[in-house]
Amino acid sequence: MRSSGFISPVASLLFLSAFFFIAGRLTIPQLLPELNLNAFYLTLSYFLIVNVLVLTLFFKGSSNNPEKAIVYTLLTISLKFILYISFILIYYLITKNLSKGYLIIFFLLYLTFSFITLFAVLKELKLRSK
C-alpha cells in the first residue's frame, strides 16, 4: 500500500472532523437548539470511522489487485451507503426521533464526507490509469 495515497485523504477526513466538531460546538446550540450535541458527535464519529474504513478497504484492495480497482471502488461505495442507511435506521429505532435539524446535519455530513472520499478515490484511479 502506498502511504502517500492513503495518508492524505485520512488527514483530510481528520481535519474535516475537527472542523465540524468545533463548528458544531459553536453553532448547533444557537441554530438548532432541539438537536442534542451528543447525537451530533456520535454521528460525526460514525462518519469518520466509516470513511476511514472505506478508504482503507479501497487502498488495500486496489493495491493488492490493481486490475480490480473498479470493483473495489463500487464495493466500498456500496458498503458506505449500506452502513449509513443502517446507522440512520438504528438511530431512529433507538431514539424514535429524527428531527429536521438532525436530518439536515446528517445529510450535510453525508455529502461532505462523500465528496472527500469520492475525490480521494477518483484521484487514485486517475493516477493508476496513467
N, C-alpha and C. Protein backbone atom coordinates (compact mmCIF):
# COMPACT_ATOMS: atom_id res chain seq x y z
N MET A 1 0.85 -1.18 0.00
CA MET A 1 0.00 0.00 0.00
C MET A 1 0.90 1.24 0.00
N ARG A 2 0.61 2.16 -0.88
CA ARG A 2 1.37 3.39 -0.93
C ARG A 2 0.86 4.32 0.15
N SER A 3 1.76 4.74 1.02
CA SER A 3 1.34 5.56 2.15
C SER A 3 0.91 6.96 1.71
N SER A 4 1.52 7.50 0.67
CA SER A 4 1.17 8.85 0.26
C SER A 4 -0.26 8.93 -0.26
N GLY A 5 -0.75 7.85 -0.89
CA GLY A 5 -2.11 7.86 -1.40
C GLY A 5 -3.15 7.72 -0.32
N PHE A 6 -2.79 7.07 0.78
CA PHE A 6 -3.75 6.81 1.84
C PHE A 6 -3.74 7.88 2.92
N ILE A 7 -2.57 8.39 3.26
CA ILE A 7 -2.44 9.33 4.38
C ILE A 7 -3.14 10.65 4.09
N SER A 8 -3.02 11.18 2.90
CA SER A 8 -3.60 12.47 2.58
C SER A 8 -5.14 12.48 2.72
N PRO A 9 -5.87 11.50 2.20
CA PRO A 9 -7.32 11.51 2.40
C PRO A 9 -7.72 11.33 3.86
N VAL A 10 -6.98 10.52 4.59
CA VAL A 10 -7.30 10.33 6.01
C VAL A 10 -7.02 11.61 6.79
N ALA A 11 -5.92 12.29 6.44
CA ALA A 11 -5.63 13.58 7.08
C ALA A 11 -6.73 14.59 6.76
N SER A 12 -7.22 14.57 5.53
CA SER A 12 -8.33 15.47 5.16
C SER A 12 -9.58 15.15 5.97
N LEU A 13 -9.86 13.86 6.16
CA LEU A 13 -11.03 13.47 6.95
C LEU A 13 -10.88 13.89 8.41
N LEU A 14 -9.68 13.75 8.96
CA LEU A 14 -9.44 14.17 10.35
C LEU A 14 -9.58 15.68 10.49
N PHE A 15 -9.04 16.42 9.55
CA PHE A 15 -9.16 17.87 9.58
C PHE A 15 -10.63 18.29 9.46
N LEU A 16 -11.34 17.66 8.55
CA LEU A 16 -12.76 17.95 8.36
C LEU A 16 -13.56 17.64 9.63
N SER A 17 -13.25 16.53 10.27
CA SER A 17 -13.94 16.15 11.50
C SER A 17 -13.66 17.16 12.62
N ALA A 18 -12.40 17.59 12.73
CA ALA A 18 -12.06 18.60 13.74
C ALA A 18 -12.80 19.91 13.46
N PHE A 19 -12.88 20.28 12.19
CA PHE A 19 -13.62 21.49 11.82
C PHE A 19 -15.09 21.38 12.20
N PHE A 20 -15.72 20.24 11.84
CA PHE A 20 -17.13 20.05 12.18
C PHE A 20 -17.35 19.96 13.69
N PHE A 21 -16.40 19.39 14.40
CA PHE A 21 -16.52 19.30 15.86
C PHE A 21 -16.57 20.69 16.47
N ILE A 22 -15.64 21.54 16.06
CA ILE A 22 -15.59 22.90 16.60
C ILE A 22 -16.79 23.72 16.11
N ALA A 23 -17.10 23.63 14.82
CA ALA A 23 -18.23 24.39 14.27
C ALA A 23 -19.54 23.94 14.90
N GLY A 24 -19.69 22.65 15.12
CA GLY A 24 -20.91 22.15 15.75
C GLY A 24 -21.04 22.62 17.18
N ARG A 25 -19.94 22.62 17.89
CA ARG A 25 -19.96 23.08 19.28
C ARG A 25 -20.35 24.55 19.39
N LEU A 26 -19.92 25.34 18.40
CA LEU A 26 -20.19 26.77 18.44
C LEU A 26 -21.56 27.15 17.87
N THR A 27 -22.04 26.42 16.87
CA THR A 27 -23.24 26.88 16.17
C THR A 27 -24.51 26.08 16.45
N ILE A 28 -24.39 24.81 16.74
CA ILE A 28 -25.60 23.98 16.89
C ILE A 28 -26.49 24.45 18.04
N PRO A 29 -25.94 24.79 19.22
CA PRO A 29 -26.85 25.24 20.28
C PRO A 29 -27.66 26.49 19.92
N GLN A 30 -27.11 27.37 19.07
CA GLN A 30 -27.85 28.57 18.68
C GLN A 30 -28.79 28.31 17.50
N LEU A 31 -28.32 27.56 16.52
CA LEU A 31 -29.12 27.35 15.31
C LEU A 31 -30.16 26.24 15.44
N LEU A 32 -29.79 25.16 16.11
CA LEU A 32 -30.68 24.01 16.26
C LEU A 32 -30.74 23.58 17.72
N PRO A 33 -31.45 24.34 18.54
CA PRO A 33 -31.46 24.01 19.98
C PRO A 33 -32.11 22.67 20.30
N GLU A 34 -32.93 22.14 19.40
CA GLU A 34 -33.58 20.85 19.66
C GLU A 34 -32.63 19.68 19.43
N LEU A 35 -31.50 19.94 18.77
CA LEU A 35 -30.54 18.88 18.47
C LEU A 35 -29.57 18.71 19.64
N ASN A 36 -29.45 17.47 20.08
CA ASN A 36 -28.53 17.13 21.16
C ASN A 36 -27.11 17.10 20.60
N LEU A 37 -26.18 17.75 21.27
CA LEU A 37 -24.80 17.76 20.80
C LEU A 37 -24.18 16.37 20.82
N ASN A 38 -24.58 15.54 21.77
CA ASN A 38 -24.05 14.17 21.83
C ASN A 38 -24.46 13.37 20.59
N ALA A 39 -25.67 13.59 20.10
CA ALA A 39 -26.11 12.92 18.87
C ALA A 39 -25.28 13.40 17.68
N PHE A 40 -24.96 14.68 17.66
CA PHE A 40 -24.12 15.21 16.60
C PHE A 40 -22.72 14.60 16.66
N TYR A 41 -22.15 14.53 17.84
CA TYR A 41 -20.81 13.96 17.99
C TYR A 41 -20.78 12.48 17.65
N LEU A 42 -21.83 11.76 18.02
CA LEU A 42 -21.93 10.35 17.67
C LEU A 42 -21.98 10.18 16.15
N THR A 43 -22.79 10.97 15.51
CA THR A 43 -22.92 10.90 14.05
C THR A 43 -21.61 11.28 13.37
N LEU A 44 -20.98 12.32 13.84
CA LEU A 44 -19.70 12.76 13.27
C LEU A 44 -18.63 11.67 13.44
N SER A 45 -18.57 11.06 14.59
CA SER A 45 -17.60 9.99 14.84
C SER A 45 -17.88 8.79 13.93
N TYR A 46 -19.14 8.46 13.78
CA TYR A 46 -19.51 7.34 12.92
C TYR A 46 -19.09 7.62 11.47
N PHE A 47 -19.34 8.83 11.00
CA PHE A 47 -18.96 9.18 9.63
C PHE A 47 -17.45 9.08 9.45
N LEU A 48 -16.70 9.54 10.43
CA LEU A 48 -15.24 9.46 10.33
C LEU A 48 -14.78 8.00 10.28
N ILE A 49 -15.31 7.17 11.15
CA ILE A 49 -14.92 5.76 11.19
C ILE A 49 -15.28 5.05 9.89
N VAL A 50 -16.48 5.27 9.40
CA VAL A 50 -16.91 4.61 8.16
C VAL A 50 -16.05 5.03 6.99
N ASN A 51 -15.74 6.31 6.88
CA ASN A 51 -14.95 6.78 5.75
C ASN A 51 -13.50 6.31 5.82
N VAL A 52 -12.93 6.25 7.01
CA VAL A 52 -11.58 5.70 7.13
C VAL A 52 -11.59 4.22 6.78
N LEU A 53 -12.61 3.49 7.21
CA LEU A 53 -12.74 2.08 6.87
C LEU A 53 -12.87 1.90 5.35
N VAL A 54 -13.69 2.71 4.73
CA VAL A 54 -13.91 2.62 3.29
C VAL A 54 -12.61 2.92 2.53
N LEU A 55 -11.92 3.96 2.93
CA LEU A 55 -10.65 4.28 2.26
C LEU A 55 -9.61 3.20 2.48
N THR A 56 -9.57 2.63 3.67
CA THR A 56 -8.64 1.55 3.95
C THR A 56 -8.92 0.35 3.05
N LEU A 57 -10.18 -0.03 2.96
CA LEU A 57 -10.55 -1.15 2.10
C LEU A 57 -10.22 -0.86 0.63
N PHE A 58 -10.50 0.34 0.20
CA PHE A 58 -10.23 0.70 -1.19
C PHE A 58 -8.73 0.64 -1.50
N PHE A 59 -7.92 1.32 -0.69
CA PHE A 59 -6.49 1.36 -0.96
C PHE A 59 -5.83 -0.01 -0.78
N LYS A 60 -6.26 -0.75 0.21
CA LYS A 60 -5.70 -2.09 0.43
C LYS A 60 -6.10 -3.02 -0.71
N GLY A 61 -7.35 -3.01 -1.09
CA GLY A 61 -7.83 -3.89 -2.15
C GLY A 61 -7.28 -3.54 -3.51
N SER A 62 -7.24 -2.26 -3.83
CA SER A 62 -6.77 -1.89 -5.15
C SER A 62 -5.26 -2.00 -5.28
N SER A 63 -4.53 -1.95 -4.15
CA SER A 63 -3.08 -2.14 -4.24
C SER A 63 -2.73 -3.62 -4.38
N ASN A 64 -3.57 -4.51 -3.81
CA ASN A 64 -3.32 -5.94 -3.94
C ASN A 64 -3.61 -6.43 -5.35
N ASN A 65 -4.62 -5.87 -5.97
CA ASN A 65 -5.02 -6.32 -7.30
C ASN A 65 -5.45 -5.10 -8.12
N PRO A 66 -4.51 -4.41 -8.76
CA PRO A 66 -4.84 -3.18 -9.48
C PRO A 66 -5.85 -3.36 -10.61
N GLU A 67 -5.94 -4.57 -11.17
CA GLU A 67 -6.89 -4.79 -12.26
C GLU A 67 -8.33 -4.72 -11.78
N LYS A 68 -8.54 -4.97 -10.51
CA LYS A 68 -9.89 -4.96 -9.96
C LYS A 68 -10.18 -3.70 -9.15
N ALA A 69 -9.51 -2.62 -9.44
CA ALA A 69 -9.70 -1.38 -8.69
C ALA A 69 -11.13 -0.87 -8.81
N ILE A 70 -11.73 -1.02 -9.99
CA ILE A 70 -13.10 -0.55 -10.16
C ILE A 70 -14.08 -1.36 -9.33
N VAL A 71 -13.81 -2.64 -9.17
CA VAL A 71 -14.66 -3.49 -8.34
C VAL A 71 -14.56 -3.04 -6.88
N TYR A 72 -13.34 -2.75 -6.42
CA TYR A 72 -13.17 -2.27 -5.05
C TYR A 72 -13.82 -0.89 -4.87
N THR A 73 -13.79 -0.09 -5.90
CA THR A 73 -14.44 1.21 -5.82
C THR A 73 -15.94 1.05 -5.63
N LEU A 74 -16.56 0.24 -6.45
CA LEU A 74 -18.01 0.02 -6.32
C LEU A 74 -18.35 -0.66 -5.01
N LEU A 75 -17.52 -1.59 -4.57
CA LEU A 75 -17.76 -2.28 -3.31
C LEU A 75 -17.71 -1.32 -2.13
N THR A 76 -16.70 -0.45 -2.11
CA THR A 76 -16.57 0.46 -0.98
C THR A 76 -17.68 1.51 -0.97
N ILE A 77 -18.08 1.99 -2.15
CA ILE A 77 -19.17 2.97 -2.20
C ILE A 77 -20.48 2.32 -1.74
N SER A 78 -20.72 1.09 -2.16
CA SER A 78 -21.93 0.38 -1.74
C SER A 78 -21.90 0.10 -0.24
N LEU A 79 -20.75 -0.31 0.26
CA LEU A 79 -20.62 -0.58 1.70
C LEU A 79 -20.88 0.68 2.51
N LYS A 80 -20.34 1.79 2.06
CA LYS A 80 -20.54 3.06 2.76
C LYS A 80 -22.01 3.43 2.79
N PHE A 81 -22.68 3.30 1.69
CA PHE A 81 -24.10 3.62 1.62
C PHE A 81 -24.91 2.73 2.56
N ILE A 82 -24.64 1.44 2.56
CA ILE A 82 -25.36 0.50 3.42
C ILE A 82 -25.09 0.81 4.90
N LEU A 83 -23.86 1.14 5.24
CA LEU A 83 -23.55 1.48 6.63
C LEU A 83 -24.25 2.75 7.07
N TYR A 84 -24.35 3.73 6.18
CA TYR A 84 -25.05 4.97 6.54
C TYR A 84 -26.54 4.74 6.71
N ILE A 85 -27.13 3.98 5.81
CA ILE A 85 -28.57 3.70 5.91
C ILE A 85 -28.86 2.90 7.17
N SER A 86 -28.02 1.92 7.48
CA SER A 86 -28.24 1.12 8.70
C SER A 86 -28.06 1.99 9.94
N PHE A 87 -27.13 2.95 9.91
CA PHE A 87 -26.95 3.84 11.06
C PHE A 87 -28.19 4.68 11.31
N ILE A 88 -28.71 5.29 10.26
CA ILE A 88 -29.88 6.15 10.45
C ILE A 88 -31.09 5.33 10.89
N LEU A 89 -31.21 4.10 10.39
CA LEU A 89 -32.31 3.24 10.81
C LEU A 89 -32.17 2.84 12.28
N ILE A 90 -30.99 2.44 12.69
CA ILE A 90 -30.76 2.06 14.09
C ILE A 90 -30.92 3.27 15.00
N TYR A 91 -30.43 4.43 14.58
CA TYR A 91 -30.59 5.65 15.36
C TYR A 91 -32.07 5.97 15.56
N TYR A 92 -32.83 5.83 14.50
CA TYR A 92 -34.27 6.10 14.61
C TYR A 92 -34.95 5.08 15.53
N LEU A 93 -34.61 3.81 15.40
CA LEU A 93 -35.23 2.79 16.25
C LEU A 93 -34.90 2.97 17.72
N ILE A 94 -33.72 3.46 18.02
CA ILE A 94 -33.33 3.67 19.41
C ILE A 94 -33.93 4.95 19.97
N THR A 95 -33.86 6.04 19.23
CA THR A 95 -34.31 7.33 19.76
C THR A 95 -35.76 7.66 19.44
N LYS A 96 -36.31 7.05 18.41
CA LYS A 96 -37.68 7.35 17.93
C LYS A 96 -37.86 8.83 17.61
N ASN A 97 -36.74 9.46 17.21
CA ASN A 97 -36.80 10.88 16.92
C ASN A 97 -35.79 11.22 15.83
N LEU A 98 -36.30 11.66 14.71
CA LEU A 98 -35.45 12.20 13.65
C LEU A 98 -35.97 13.59 13.32
N SER A 99 -35.45 14.57 14.04
CA SER A 99 -35.91 15.94 13.82
C SER A 99 -35.36 16.47 12.49
N LYS A 100 -35.97 17.54 12.02
CA LYS A 100 -35.50 18.16 10.78
C LYS A 100 -34.05 18.62 10.93
N GLY A 101 -33.72 19.14 12.10
CA GLY A 101 -32.35 19.59 12.34
C GLY A 101 -31.35 18.45 12.25
N TYR A 102 -31.69 17.30 12.82
CA TYR A 102 -30.79 16.16 12.76
C TYR A 102 -30.64 15.68 11.32
N LEU A 103 -31.73 15.63 10.57
CA LEU A 103 -31.65 15.19 9.18
C LEU A 103 -30.82 16.15 8.33
N ILE A 104 -30.93 17.43 8.59
CA ILE A 104 -30.12 18.41 7.86
C ILE A 104 -28.64 18.18 8.17
N ILE A 105 -28.32 18.01 9.43
CA ILE A 105 -26.93 17.76 9.83
C ILE A 105 -26.44 16.45 9.23
N PHE A 106 -27.27 15.41 9.27
CA PHE A 106 -26.88 14.11 8.75
C PHE A 106 -26.54 14.21 7.26
N PHE A 107 -27.40 14.84 6.48
CA PHE A 107 -27.15 14.94 5.05
C PHE A 107 -26.01 15.90 4.72
N LEU A 108 -25.81 16.92 5.52
CA LEU A 108 -24.67 17.80 5.34
C LEU A 108 -23.37 17.02 5.56
N LEU A 109 -23.32 16.24 6.64
CA LEU A 109 -22.15 15.40 6.89
C LEU A 109 -21.99 14.35 5.80
N TYR A 110 -23.10 13.75 5.39
CA TYR A 110 -23.06 12.72 4.36
C TYR A 110 -22.45 13.28 3.07
N LEU A 111 -22.94 14.40 2.62
CA LEU A 111 -22.44 14.98 1.37
C LEU A 111 -20.98 15.40 1.49
N THR A 112 -20.62 16.02 2.59
CA THR A 112 -19.25 16.49 2.76
C THR A 112 -18.26 15.33 2.80
N PHE A 113 -18.55 14.34 3.64
CA PHE A 113 -17.66 13.19 3.73
C PHE A 113 -17.64 12.38 2.44
N SER A 114 -18.77 12.31 1.76
CA SER A 114 -18.81 11.58 0.50
C SER A 114 -17.96 12.26 -0.57
N PHE A 115 -17.99 13.59 -0.62
CA PHE A 115 -17.17 14.29 -1.60
C PHE A 115 -15.68 14.09 -1.32
N ILE A 116 -15.28 14.15 -0.07
CA ILE A 116 -13.87 13.94 0.28
C ILE A 116 -13.44 12.53 -0.13
N THR A 117 -14.26 11.54 0.18
CA THR A 117 -13.94 10.16 -0.17
C THR A 117 -13.95 9.97 -1.68
N LEU A 118 -14.93 10.53 -2.34
CA LEU A 118 -15.02 10.41 -3.80
C LEU A 118 -13.81 11.03 -4.49
N PHE A 119 -13.40 12.21 -4.06
CA PHE A 119 -12.23 12.85 -4.67
C PHE A 119 -10.96 12.03 -4.43
N ALA A 120 -10.83 11.43 -3.25
CA ALA A 120 -9.66 10.60 -2.97
C ALA A 120 -9.64 9.36 -3.87
N VAL A 121 -10.79 8.73 -4.03
CA VAL A 121 -10.88 7.53 -4.87
C VAL A 121 -10.64 7.89 -6.33
N LEU A 122 -11.25 8.96 -6.81
CA LEU A 122 -11.05 9.37 -8.21
C LEU A 122 -9.61 9.77 -8.49
N LYS A 123 -8.98 10.43 -7.54
CA LYS A 123 -7.57 10.82 -7.71
C LYS A 123 -6.70 9.56 -7.82
N GLU A 124 -6.97 8.59 -6.97
CA GLU A 124 -6.19 7.35 -7.01
C GLU A 124 -6.42 6.59 -8.30
N LEU A 125 -7.66 6.52 -8.75
CA LEU A 125 -7.95 5.82 -10.01
C LEU A 125 -7.30 6.53 -11.19
N LYS A 126 -7.29 7.86 -11.15
CA LYS A 126 -6.65 8.61 -12.22
C LYS A 126 -5.15 8.37 -12.25
N LEU A 127 -4.53 8.31 -11.07
CA LEU A 127 -3.10 8.02 -11.00
C LEU A 127 -2.78 6.61 -11.49
N ARG A 128 -3.65 5.67 -11.20
CA ARG A 128 -3.42 4.29 -11.61
C ARG A 128 -3.65 4.09 -13.11
N SER A 129 -4.46 4.94 -13.72
CA SER A 129 -4.73 4.76 -15.14
C SER A 129 -3.59 5.26 -16.01
N LYS A 130 -2.69 6.02 -15.43
CA LYS A 130 -1.55 6.56 -16.21
C LYS A 130 -0.48 5.53 -16.37
